[in-house]
């Protein structure tokens, strides 16, 4: 890379300002990339909504009864499919 020769301080200041703006652009691009990566890794709102509904349904007395009955229903269904 060839060294640039400046004829005035104004040229130096202009190039420094350009470099400063480029640095800020690259920094903002990096932050945006990190945010997009976080969004792709974290569960979406629909998954969170399903989790909240699940938690509400399976809490309290009704949830306790469901938690006890579901394994029996599941086993009955599997035995029915197997022909037992």
C-alpha atoms as a PDB file:
ATOM      1  CA  UNK A   1       0.000   0.000   0.000  1.00  0.00           C
ATOM      2  CA  UNK A   2       1.336   3.340  -1.018  1.00  0.00           C
ATOM      3  CA  UNK A   3       1.607   6.094   1.577  1.00  0.00           C
ATOM      4  CA  UNK A   4      -0.611   9.067   0.930  1.00  0.00           C
ATOM      5  CA  UNK A   5       1.000  12.498   0.885  1.00  0.00           C
ATOM      6  CA  UNK A   6      -0.977  15.366   2.328  1.00  0.00           C
ATOM      7  CA  UNK A   7      -0.529  18.990   1.362  1.00  0.00           C
ATOM      8  CA  UNK A   8      -2.562  20.487   4.206  1.00  0.00           C
ATOM      9  CA  UNK A   9      -3.992  19.764   7.626  1.00  0.00           C
ATOM     10  CA  UNK A  10      -7.492  20.096   6.168  1.00  0.00           C
ATOM     11  CA  UNK A  11      -6.911  16.990   4.017  1.00  0.00           C
ATOM     12  CA  UNK A  12      -5.714  15.056   7.055  1.00  0.00           C
ATOM     13  CA  UNK A  13      -8.728  16.145   9.090  1.00  0.00           C
ATOM     14  CA  UNK A  14     -11.070  15.192   6.235  1.00  0.00           C
ATOM     15  CA  UNK A  15      -9.569  11.699   5.948  1.00  0.00           C
ATOM     16  CA  UNK A  16      -9.701  11.268   9.728  1.00  0.00           C
ATOM     17  CA  UNK A  17     -13.383  12.253   9.700  1.00  0.00           C
ATOM     18  CA  UNK A  18     -14.064   9.739   6.905  1.00  0.00           C
ATOM     19  CA  UNK A  19     -12.287   7.006   8.863  1.00  0.00           C
ATOM     20  CA  UNK A  20     -14.274   7.912  11.976  1.00  0.00           C
ATOM     21  CA  UNK A  21     -17.574   7.630  10.075  1.00  0.00           C
ATOM     22  CA  UNK A  22     -16.512   4.320   8.473  1.00  0.00           C
ATOM     23  CA  UNK A  23     -15.577   2.978  11.909  1.00  0.00           C
ATOM     24  CA  UNK A  24     -19.023   3.933  13.260  1.00  0.00           C
ATOM     25  CA  UNK A  25     -20.741   2.282  10.269  1.00  0.00           C
ATOM     26  CA  UNK A  26     -18.854  -0.977  10.801  1.00  0.00           C
ATOM     27  CA  UNK A  27     -19.614  -0.840  14.521  1.00  0.00           C
ATOM     28  CA  UNK A  28     -23.353  -0.382  13.876  1.00  0.00           C
ATOM     29  CA  UNK A  29     -23.294  -3.225  11.319  1.00  0.00           C
ATOM     30  CA  UNK A  30     -21.681  -5.462  13.931  1.00  0.00           C
ATOM     31  CA  UNK A  31     -24.336  -4.544  16.514  1.00  0.00           C
ATOM     32  CA  UNK A  32     -27.091  -5.251  13.993  1.00  0.00           C
ATOM     33  CA  UNK A  33     -25.536  -8.604  13.181  1.00  0.00           C
ATOM     34  CA  UNK A  34     -25.396  -9.494  16.889  1.00  0.00           C
ATOM     35  CA  UNK A  35     -29.057  -8.520  17.322  1.00  0.00           C
ATOM     36  CA  UNK A  36     -30.102 -10.651  14.344  1.00  0.00           C
ATOM     37  CA  UNK A  37     -28.135 -13.581  15.735  1.00  0.00           C
ATOM     38  CA  UNK A  38     -29.841 -13.188  19.111  1.00  0.00           C
ATOM     39  CA  UNK A  39     -33.253 -13.121  17.427  1.00  0.00           C
ATOM     40  CA  UNK A  40     -32.498 -16.290  15.501  1.00  0.00           C
ATOM     41  CA  UNK A  41     -31.288 -18.106  18.623  1.00  0.00           C
ATOM     42  CA  UNK A  42     -33.938 -16.970  21.107  1.00  0.00           C
ATOM     43  CA  UNK A  43     -37.416 -18.504  20.888  1.00  0.00           C
ATOM     44  CA  UNK A  44     -39.980 -16.554  18.971  1.00  0.00           C
ATOM     45  CA  UNK A  45     -42.992 -14.924  20.544  1.00  0.00           C
ATOM     46  CA  UNK A  46     -45.230 -17.765  19.411  1.00  0.00           C
ATOM     47  CA  UNK A  47     -43.111 -20.314  21.287  1.00  0.00           C
ATOM     48  CA  UNK A  48     -43.185 -18.073  24.349  1.00  0.00           C
ATOM     49  CA  UNK A  49     -46.967 -17.747  24.012  1.00  0.00           C
ATOM     50  CA  UNK A  50     -47.347 -21.540  23.821  1.00  0.00           C
ATOM     51  CA  UNK A  51     -45.174 -21.850  26.931  1.00  0.00           C
ATOM     52  CA  UNK A  52     -47.348 -19.343  28.792  1.00  0.00           C
ATOM     53  CA  UNK A  53     -50.542 -21.156  27.782  1.00  0.00           C
ATOM     54  CA  UNK A  54     -49.020 -24.494  28.826  1.00  0.00           C
ATOM     55  CA  UNK A  55     -48.031 -23.044  32.186  1.00  0.00           C
ATOM     56  CA  UNK A  56     -51.516 -21.628  32.782  1.00  0.00           C
ATOM     57  CA  UNK A  57     -53.285 -24.848  31.760  1.00  0.00           C
ATOM     58  CA  UNK A  58     -51.087 -27.120  33.875  1.00  0.00           C
ATOM     59  CA  UNK A  59     -51.130 -24.993  37.012  1.00  0.00           C
ATOM     60  CA  UNK A  60     -53.619 -25.385  39.818  1.00  0.00           C
ATOM     61  CA  UNK A  61     -55.984 -28.282  40.517  1.00  0.00           C
ATOM     62  CA  UNK A  62     -57.046 -28.742  36.898  1.00  0.00           C
ATOM     63  CA  UNK A  63     -53.407 -28.991  35.849  1.00  0.00           C
ATOM     64  CA  UNK A  64     -52.630 -31.553  38.530  1.00  0.00           C
ATOM     65  CA  UNK A  65     -55.497 -33.750  37.338  1.00  0.00           C
ATOM     66  CA  UNK A  66     -54.340 -33.422  33.722  1.00  0.00           C
ATOM     67  CA  UNK A  67     -50.769 -34.311  34.680  1.00  0.00           C
ATOM     68  CA  UNK A  68     -52.041 -37.485  36.324  1.00  0.00           C
ATOM     69  CA  UNK A  69     -54.434 -38.518  33.531  1.00  0.00           C
ATOM     70  CA  UNK A  70     -52.291 -37.822  30.453  1.00  0.00           C
ATOM     71  CA  UNK A  71     -49.765 -40.674  31.052  1.00  0.00           C
ATOM     72  CA  UNK A  72     -52.633 -43.181  31.418  1.00  0.00           C
ATOM     73  CA  UNK A  73     -54.278 -41.970  28.221  1.00  0.00           C
ATOM     74  CA  UNK A  74     -50.964 -42.106  26.401  1.00  0.00           C
ATOM     75  CA  UNK A  75     -50.253 -45.672  27.581  1.00  0.00           C
ATOM     76  CA  UNK A  76     -53.799 -46.756  26.670  1.00  0.00           C
ATOM     77  CA  UNK A  77     -53.344 -45.326  23.168  1.00  0.00           C
ATOM     78  CA  UNK A  78     -49.979 -47.072  22.698  1.00  0.00           C
ATOM     79  CA  UNK A  79     -51.382 -50.409  23.890  1.00  0.00           C
ATOM     80  CA  UNK A  80     -54.374 -49.992  21.578  1.00  0.00           C
ATOM     81  CA  UNK A  81     -52.035 -49.417  18.601  1.00  0.00           C
ATOM     82  CA  UNK A  82     -49.963 -52.478  19.508  1.00  0.00           C
ATOM     83  CA  UNK A  83     -53.067 -54.637  19.796  1.00  0.00           C
ATOM     84  CA  UNK A  84     -52.707 -55.483  23.493  1.00  0.00           C
END
